[in-house]
Amino acid sequence: MPSLGFGDLSNTRTGWTAGGGVEWMFAPNWSAFLEGNYMDFGGSSGTVFGPGACVAGCTYSTKRTPSTVLVGVNYRF
């Protein structure tokens, strides 16, 4: 029968975003854009206890920092 692990968990629930972009109108009613964003949503850390290698406890830490790049074309009616 498999056993389940348990432990403690700590979450940071803050975040921020920084970004910028450019847009260029290349024809009447048409434009192209390029935008970049960097996001930081904090992290998590904790200790997990369970069978096998984590009997004495395994600690972990994560950081959530995605980046996005958007490229597109707009038509203005």
N, C-alpha and C. Protein backbone atom coordinates (compact mmCIF):
# COMPACT_ATOMS: atom_id res chain seq x y z
N MET A 1 0.85 -1.18 0.00
CA MET A 1 0.00 0.00 0.00
C MET A 1 0.89 1.24 0.00
N PRO A 2 0.68 2.17 -0.93
CA PRO A 2 1.51 3.38 -0.96
C PRO A 2 1.21 4.29 0.22
N SER A 3 2.25 4.95 0.70
CA SER A 3 2.05 5.90 1.79
C SER A 3 2.12 7.32 1.23
N LEU A 4 1.45 8.22 1.90
CA LEU A 4 1.40 9.61 1.47
C LEU A 4 2.37 10.44 2.28
N GLY A 5 2.97 11.43 1.64
CA GLY A 5 3.88 12.32 2.32
C GLY A 5 3.14 13.49 2.94
N PHE A 6 3.82 14.19 3.82
CA PHE A 6 3.26 15.39 4.44
C PHE A 6 4.41 16.34 4.69
N GLY A 7 4.12 17.57 5.01
CA GLY A 7 5.16 18.55 5.27
C GLY A 7 4.57 19.91 5.53
N ASP A 8 5.40 20.93 5.40
CA ASP A 8 4.91 22.29 5.58
C ASP A 8 5.21 23.08 4.31
N LEU A 9 4.49 24.16 4.13
CA LEU A 9 4.58 24.94 2.91
C LEU A 9 4.50 26.41 3.26
N SER A 10 5.31 27.22 2.59
CA SER A 10 5.28 28.67 2.77
C SER A 10 5.18 29.31 1.39
N ASN A 11 4.20 30.18 1.19
CA ASN A 11 4.01 30.85 -0.09
C ASN A 11 4.18 32.35 0.05
N THR A 12 4.85 32.95 -0.90
CA THR A 12 4.92 34.40 -1.00
C THR A 12 3.90 34.82 -2.05
N ARG A 13 2.99 35.70 -1.71
CA ARG A 13 1.90 36.05 -2.61
C ARG A 13 1.98 37.51 -3.06
N THR A 14 3.16 37.94 -3.45
CA THR A 14 3.32 39.27 -4.01
C THR A 14 3.86 39.13 -5.43
N GLY A 15 3.78 40.18 -6.21
CA GLY A 15 4.30 40.10 -7.56
C GLY A 15 4.36 41.46 -8.22
N TRP A 16 5.05 41.51 -9.34
CA TRP A 16 5.17 42.73 -10.10
C TRP A 16 5.48 42.39 -11.55
N THR A 17 5.27 43.36 -12.42
CA THR A 17 5.53 43.22 -13.85
C THR A 17 6.21 44.48 -14.36
N ALA A 18 7.20 44.30 -15.22
CA ALA A 18 7.85 45.42 -15.90
C ALA A 18 7.91 45.07 -17.38
N GLY A 19 7.66 46.05 -18.21
CA GLY A 19 7.69 45.76 -19.64
C GLY A 19 7.72 47.02 -20.47
N GLY A 20 7.80 46.81 -21.76
CA GLY A 20 7.81 47.92 -22.69
C GLY A 20 7.57 47.41 -24.10
N GLY A 21 7.37 48.35 -24.99
CA GLY A 21 7.12 47.94 -26.36
C GLY A 21 7.15 49.11 -27.32
N VAL A 22 7.05 48.76 -28.59
CA VAL A 22 7.01 49.75 -29.66
C VAL A 22 5.90 49.37 -30.62
N GLU A 23 5.35 50.38 -31.28
CA GLU A 23 4.34 50.15 -32.30
C GLU A 23 4.65 51.07 -33.48
N TRP A 24 4.50 50.53 -34.70
CA TRP A 24 4.85 51.26 -35.91
C TRP A 24 3.69 51.17 -36.89
N MET A 25 3.20 52.33 -37.33
CA MET A 25 2.13 52.36 -38.32
C MET A 25 2.79 52.34 -39.70
N PHE A 26 2.67 51.22 -40.42
CA PHE A 26 3.38 51.05 -41.68
C PHE A 26 2.50 51.30 -42.91
N ALA A 27 1.19 51.42 -42.73
CA ALA A 27 0.27 51.71 -43.83
C ALA A 27 -0.99 52.31 -43.21
N PRO A 28 -1.84 52.97 -44.00
CA PRO A 28 -3.09 53.49 -43.43
C PRO A 28 -3.89 52.36 -42.77
N ASN A 29 -4.27 52.57 -41.53
CA ASN A 29 -5.06 51.64 -40.71
C ASN A 29 -4.29 50.40 -40.24
N TRP A 30 -3.03 50.22 -40.60
CA TRP A 30 -2.26 49.04 -40.22
C TRP A 30 -1.06 49.43 -39.35
N SER A 31 -0.82 48.65 -38.30
CA SER A 31 0.37 48.84 -37.48
C SER A 31 0.90 47.49 -37.02
N ALA A 32 2.17 47.48 -36.66
CA ALA A 32 2.82 46.29 -36.12
C ALA A 32 3.39 46.65 -34.75
N PHE A 33 3.44 45.68 -33.86
CA PHE A 33 3.95 45.97 -32.52
C PHE A 33 4.87 44.85 -32.03
N LEU A 34 5.73 45.22 -31.09
CA LEU A 34 6.61 44.31 -30.38
C LEU A 34 6.57 44.72 -28.92
N GLU A 35 6.30 43.77 -28.04
CA GLU A 35 6.16 44.06 -26.61
C GLU A 35 6.87 42.98 -25.81
N GLY A 36 7.56 43.37 -24.76
CA GLY A 36 8.21 42.42 -23.86
C GLY A 36 7.81 42.70 -22.43
N ASN A 37 7.58 41.63 -21.65
CA ASN A 37 7.22 41.76 -20.24
C ASN A 37 8.02 40.78 -19.40
N TYR A 38 8.44 41.23 -18.24
CA TYR A 38 9.09 40.38 -17.25
C TYR A 38 8.20 40.40 -16.02
N MET A 39 7.85 39.22 -15.49
CA MET A 39 6.96 39.12 -14.33
C MET A 39 7.64 38.36 -13.21
N ASP A 40 7.41 38.80 -12.00
CA ASP A 40 7.93 38.11 -10.81
C ASP A 40 6.76 37.89 -9.87
N PHE A 41 6.39 36.63 -9.66
CA PHE A 41 5.25 36.28 -8.81
C PHE A 41 5.68 35.67 -7.48
N GLY A 42 6.88 35.95 -7.04
CA GLY A 42 7.34 35.43 -5.76
C GLY A 42 7.77 33.98 -5.85
N GLY A 43 7.76 33.31 -4.71
CA GLY A 43 8.22 31.94 -4.69
C GLY A 43 7.58 31.13 -3.58
N SER A 44 7.99 29.89 -3.52
CA SER A 44 7.52 28.96 -2.50
C SER A 44 8.72 28.20 -1.97
N SER A 45 8.62 27.79 -0.73
CA SER A 45 9.64 26.91 -0.16
C SER A 45 8.97 26.03 0.89
N GLY A 46 9.56 24.92 1.16
CA GLY A 46 8.98 24.03 2.16
C GLY A 46 9.80 22.77 2.33
N THR A 47 9.28 21.90 3.16
CA THR A 47 9.89 20.61 3.44
C THR A 47 8.83 19.54 3.27
N VAL A 48 9.18 18.48 2.56
CA VAL A 48 8.26 17.38 2.34
C VAL A 48 8.86 16.13 2.97
N PHE A 49 8.03 15.41 3.72
CA PHE A 49 8.44 14.15 4.32
C PHE A 49 7.68 13.02 3.65
N GLY A 50 8.32 11.94 3.39
CA GLY A 50 7.63 10.83 2.74
C GLY A 50 8.51 9.60 2.66
N PRO A 51 8.06 8.61 1.93
CA PRO A 51 8.81 7.37 1.81
C PRO A 51 10.03 7.53 0.91
N GLY A 52 10.92 6.60 0.99
CA GLY A 52 12.08 6.59 0.10
C GLY A 52 13.12 7.61 0.51
N ALA A 53 13.54 8.41 -0.44
CA ALA A 53 14.63 9.36 -0.23
C ALA A 53 14.26 10.52 0.67
N CYS A 54 12.96 10.77 0.91
CA CYS A 54 12.54 11.94 1.69
C CYS A 54 12.08 11.58 3.10
N VAL A 55 12.51 10.46 3.65
CA VAL A 55 12.10 10.07 4.99
C VAL A 55 12.52 11.12 6.01
N ALA A 56 13.74 11.64 5.89
CA ALA A 56 14.23 12.66 6.81
C ALA A 56 13.76 14.06 6.41
N GLY A 57 13.16 14.20 5.26
CA GLY A 57 12.66 15.50 4.81
C GLY A 57 13.47 16.04 3.65
N CYS A 58 12.78 16.45 2.60
CA CYS A 58 13.41 17.07 1.44
C CYS A 58 12.90 18.50 1.36
N THR A 59 13.81 19.44 1.25
CA THR A 59 13.40 20.84 1.14
C THR A 59 13.42 21.25 -0.32
N TYR A 60 12.60 22.23 -0.64
CA TYR A 60 12.54 22.75 -2.00
C TYR A 60 12.28 24.23 -1.96
N SER A 61 12.63 24.89 -3.05
CA SER A 61 12.39 26.31 -3.20
C SER A 61 12.11 26.57 -4.68
N THR A 62 11.06 27.32 -4.97
CA THR A 62 10.73 27.65 -6.36
C THR A 62 10.61 29.15 -6.51
N LYS A 63 10.84 29.63 -7.70
CA LYS A 63 10.71 31.05 -8.03
C LYS A 63 9.92 31.13 -9.33
N ARG A 64 8.92 31.99 -9.37
CA ARG A 64 8.07 32.13 -10.56
C ARG A 64 8.39 33.46 -11.25
N THR A 65 9.19 33.39 -12.33
CA THR A 65 9.60 34.60 -13.05
C THR A 65 9.49 34.38 -14.56
N PRO A 66 8.27 34.36 -15.10
CA PRO A 66 8.14 34.20 -16.55
C PRO A 66 8.43 35.50 -17.30
N SER A 67 8.79 35.35 -18.55
CA SER A 67 8.96 36.47 -19.46
C SER A 67 8.13 36.19 -20.71
N THR A 68 7.56 37.24 -21.29
CA THR A 68 6.79 37.07 -22.52
C THR A 68 7.27 38.08 -23.56
N VAL A 69 7.16 37.69 -24.81
CA VAL A 69 7.40 38.58 -25.94
C VAL A 69 6.19 38.45 -26.86
N LEU A 70 5.57 39.57 -27.17
CA LEU A 70 4.40 39.59 -28.05
C LEU A 70 4.77 40.34 -29.33
N VAL A 71 4.38 39.77 -30.45
CA VAL A 71 4.57 40.39 -31.76
C VAL A 71 3.23 40.31 -32.47
N GLY A 72 2.80 41.39 -33.09
CA GLY A 72 1.51 41.33 -33.74
C GLY A 72 1.29 42.43 -34.76
N VAL A 73 0.18 42.31 -35.44
CA VAL A 73 -0.26 43.28 -36.44
C VAL A 73 -1.68 43.70 -36.08
N ASN A 74 -1.94 45.00 -36.13
CA ASN A 74 -3.27 45.55 -35.84
C ASN A 74 -3.86 46.18 -37.08
N TYR A 75 -5.18 46.03 -37.23
CA TYR A 75 -5.92 46.79 -38.25
C TYR A 75 -6.91 47.68 -37.53
N ARG A 76 -6.89 48.95 -37.80
CA ARG A 76 -7.77 49.91 -37.14
C ARG A 76 -8.92 50.26 -38.09
N PHE A 77 -10.15 50.00 -37.64
CA PHE A 77 -11.35 50.27 -38.44
C PHE A 77 -11.69 51.74 -38.45
